[in-house]
Protein backbone atom coordinates (compact mmCIF):
# COMPACT_ATOMS: atom_id res chain seq x y z
CA UNK A 1 59.37 19.14 71.01
CA UNK A 2 61.51 19.58 74.14
CA UNK A 3 58.47 20.21 76.32
CA UNK A 4 56.75 17.09 74.97
CA UNK A 5 59.81 14.90 75.55
CA UNK A 6 60.17 16.26 79.08
CA UNK A 7 56.47 15.69 79.80
CA UNK A 8 56.70 12.07 78.62
CA UNK A 9 59.77 11.54 80.83
CA UNK A 10 58.01 13.03 83.87
CA UNK A 11 59.95 16.32 83.84
CA UNK A 12 57.37 18.60 82.25
CA UNK A 13 57.07 20.90 85.28
CA UNK A 14 59.83 23.16 83.88
CA UNK A 15 60.03 25.19 80.69
CA UNK A 16 62.26 23.38 78.18
CA UNK A 17 64.04 24.98 75.22
CA UNK A 18 65.86 23.49 72.25
CA UNK A 19 69.57 24.29 71.90
CA UNK A 20 69.24 25.31 68.23
CA UNK A 21 70.59 28.36 66.48
CA UNK A 22 68.37 29.80 63.74
CA UNK A 23 68.85 32.34 60.98
CA UNK A 24 65.32 33.79 61.08
CA UNK A 25 63.43 33.59 64.36
CA UNK A 26 59.77 34.64 64.21
CA UNK A 27 59.89 35.26 67.98
CA UNK A 28 62.81 37.65 67.44
CA UNK A 29 61.53 39.83 64.59
CA UNK A 30 62.84 37.35 61.99
CA UNK A 31 66.39 38.07 63.15
CA UNK A 32 68.99 35.39 63.94
CA UNK A 33 68.96 33.73 67.36
CA UNK A 34 71.91 31.93 68.91
CA UNK A 35 71.31 28.65 70.71
CA UNK A 36 73.03 30.01 73.82
CA UNK A 37 70.40 32.78 74.02
CA UNK A 38 67.52 30.30 74.18
CA UNK A 39 68.52 28.29 77.24
CA UNK A 40 68.97 30.78 80.07
CA UNK A 41 72.08 31.26 82.21
CA UNK A 42 72.24 27.93 84.07
CA UNK A 43 72.90 25.95 86.06
CA UNK A 44 71.74 22.83 84.19
CA UNK A 45 71.52 19.21 85.24
CA UNK A 46 70.82 16.18 83.09
CA UNK A 47 68.03 13.61 83.49
CA UNK A 48 70.15 11.76 86.08
CA UNK A 49 70.60 14.91 88.18
CA UNK A 50 74.27 15.29 87.19
CA UNK A 51 75.44 18.88 86.69
CA UNK A 52 76.11 19.66 83.03
CA UNK A 53 77.36 23.20 83.72
CA UNK A 54 76.86 26.03 86.20
CA UNK A 55 76.76 28.84 83.63
CA UNK A 56 77.14 29.64 79.93
CA UNK A 57 80.93 30.05 80.10
CA UNK A 58 81.35 26.66 81.76
CA UNK A 59 78.87 25.03 79.37
CA UNK A 60 80.66 26.25 76.26
CA UNK A 61 84.11 25.37 77.63
CA UNK A 62 83.25 21.71 78.29
CA UNK A 63 83.69 18.77 75.95
CA UNK A 64 81.19 16.07 75.11
CA UNK A 65 80.82 13.24 77.63
CA UNK A 66 78.67 10.15 77.07
CA UNK A 67 77.90 9.94 80.81
CA UNK A 68 76.75 13.57 81.06
CA UNK A 69 75.04 14.29 77.73
CA UNK A 70 72.27 11.69 78.00
CA UNK A 71 68.74 11.46 76.64
CA UNK A 72 65.57 12.50 78.47
CA UNK A 73 65.41 9.08 80.15
CA UNK A 74 68.99 9.30 81.41
CA UNK A 75 70.30 6.80 78.85
CA UNK A 76 73.64 7.19 77.11
CA UNK A 77 73.35 8.01 73.42
CA UNK A 78 74.92 5.43 71.11
CA UNK A 79 78.33 6.71 70.11
CA UNK A 80 82.01 5.88 69.94
CA UNK A 81 82.34 5.08 73.66
CA UNK A 82 83.58 1.59 74.66
CA UNK A 83 80.71 -0.89 74.69
CA UNK A 84 78.29 1.40 72.88
CA UNK A 85 75.67 -0.48 70.89
CA UNK A 86 75.45 0.31 67.18
CA UNK A 87 74.58 2.40 65.31
CA UNK A 88 76.47 5.56 66.25
CA UNK A 89 73.92 8.33 66.92
CA UNK A 90 76.05 10.88 68.78
CA UNK A 91 75.56 13.70 66.23
CA UNK A 92 73.24 16.21 67.88
CA UNK A 93 71.90 19.05 65.72
CA UNK A 94 72.75 22.58 66.90
CA UNK A 95 73.54 24.92 63.98
CA UNK A 96 76.07 26.48 66.33
CA UNK A 97 79.74 27.29 66.71
CA UNK A 98 81.49 26.04 69.86
CA UNK A 99 80.56 29.26 71.71
CA UNK A 100 76.86 28.67 71.02
CA UNK A 101 76.49 31.30 68.32
CA UNK A 102 74.82 30.79 64.95
CA UNK A 103 76.74 29.19 62.09
CA UNK A 104 74.97 30.84 59.15
CA UNK A 105 74.04 28.32 56.45
CA UNK A 106 74.33 25.32 58.81
CA UNK A 107 70.77 25.14 60.20
CA UNK A 108 68.95 22.85 57.72
CA UNK A 109 66.93 25.87 56.64
CA UNK A 110 66.11 26.82 60.23
CA UNK A 111 65.36 23.16 60.99
CA UNK A 112 62.53 22.96 58.47
CA UNK A 113 64.36 21.57 55.42
CA UNK A 114 64.67 17.93 54.43
CA UNK A 115 66.79 18.87 51.40
CA UNK A 116 69.77 16.80 50.34
CA UNK A 117 71.55 20.07 49.51
CA UNK A 118 71.10 21.65 52.97
CA UNK A 119 73.35 20.90 55.95
CA UNK A 120 73.33 21.45 59.68
CA UNK A 121 76.12 21.75 62.24
CA UNK A 122 76.16 19.00 64.88
CA UNK A 123 77.96 18.27 68.11
CA UNK A 124 79.14 14.93 69.53
CA UNK A 125 77.27 14.05 72.71
CA UNK A 126 80.01 11.60 73.69
CA UNK A 127 82.90 13.90 72.76
CA UNK A 128 84.46 11.20 70.60
CA UNK A 129 85.39 10.79 66.99
CA UNK A 130 86.45 7.70 65.05
CA UNK A 131 88.61 5.37 67.11
CA UNK A 132 87.76 7.25 70.31
CA UNK A 133 89.56 10.42 69.19
CA UNK A 134 89.08 13.22 71.76
CA UNK A 135 91.10 15.89 69.98
CA UNK A 136 90.05 19.10 68.33
CA UNK A 137 86.54 19.77 67.12
CA UNK A 138 85.48 16.12 67.36
CA UNK A 139 85.21 16.42 71.15
CA UNK A 140 82.82 19.38 70.96
CA UNK A 141 79.37 18.62 72.33
CA UNK A 142 77.81 21.37 70.20
CA UNK A 143 80.02 21.96 67.13
CA UNK A 144 81.94 18.93 65.86
CA UNK A 145 81.15 19.03 62.11
CA UNK A 146 78.30 19.43 59.62
CA UNK A 147 75.95 16.57 58.93
CA UNK A 148 75.95 14.96 55.50
CA UNK A 149 72.65 16.62 54.59
CA UNK A 150 69.23 17.42 56.02
CA UNK A 151 67.29 14.75 54.16
CA UNK A 152 68.83 11.98 56.27
CA UNK A 153 70.68 12.65 59.52
CA UNK A 154 71.90 9.03 59.98
CA UNK A 155 75.01 9.14 57.74
CA UNK A 156 78.03 10.29 59.78
CA UNK A 157 76.30 9.29 63.05
CA UNK A 158 73.04 11.15 63.51
CA UNK A 159 69.50 10.26 64.54
CA UNK A 160 67.79 13.66 64.27
CA UNK A 161 68.41 14.42 67.96
CA UNK A 162 68.50 17.84 69.60
CA UNK A 163 69.64 19.05 73.01
CA UNK A 164 66.97 20.34 75.38
CA UNK A 165 67.69 22.59 78.37
CA UNK A 166 65.31 23.54 81.18
CA UNK A 167 64.99 27.18 82.10
CA UNK A 168 65.08 27.90 85.84
């Protein structure tokens, strides 16, 4: 999916990887894989050429930011930021804790389930919660809260989005 999105946006000359933790990874002997292990060591820039982070430590220490965590076309993702158009879509699926490691049981069945009883961990691309709150977990770009369920990512502010990182 990441490679296709990058290709459509004119950035397909790099190898793109989804920032998704999984419980059983066929490419890893059916063992768990952390999102942080999929994306290389950095540095990373967004579609506008703005540096997201220089390395994994810096990436996992930062908070969400609507001007930095943008879509593949460089557009801000609808969120809680001032002037954002509705609906809120800042919930980005990761299945990860703030350090980029797997949160077991929070991966929507390794991103294949559309069950109303399965959940996935999401981050806030804009780093904001209700009323513009920037405190605590709500400011995490990769681990703000779980979604309502995997059958519909829209409640609580999702649109089925994922983060994609280019390997260098």
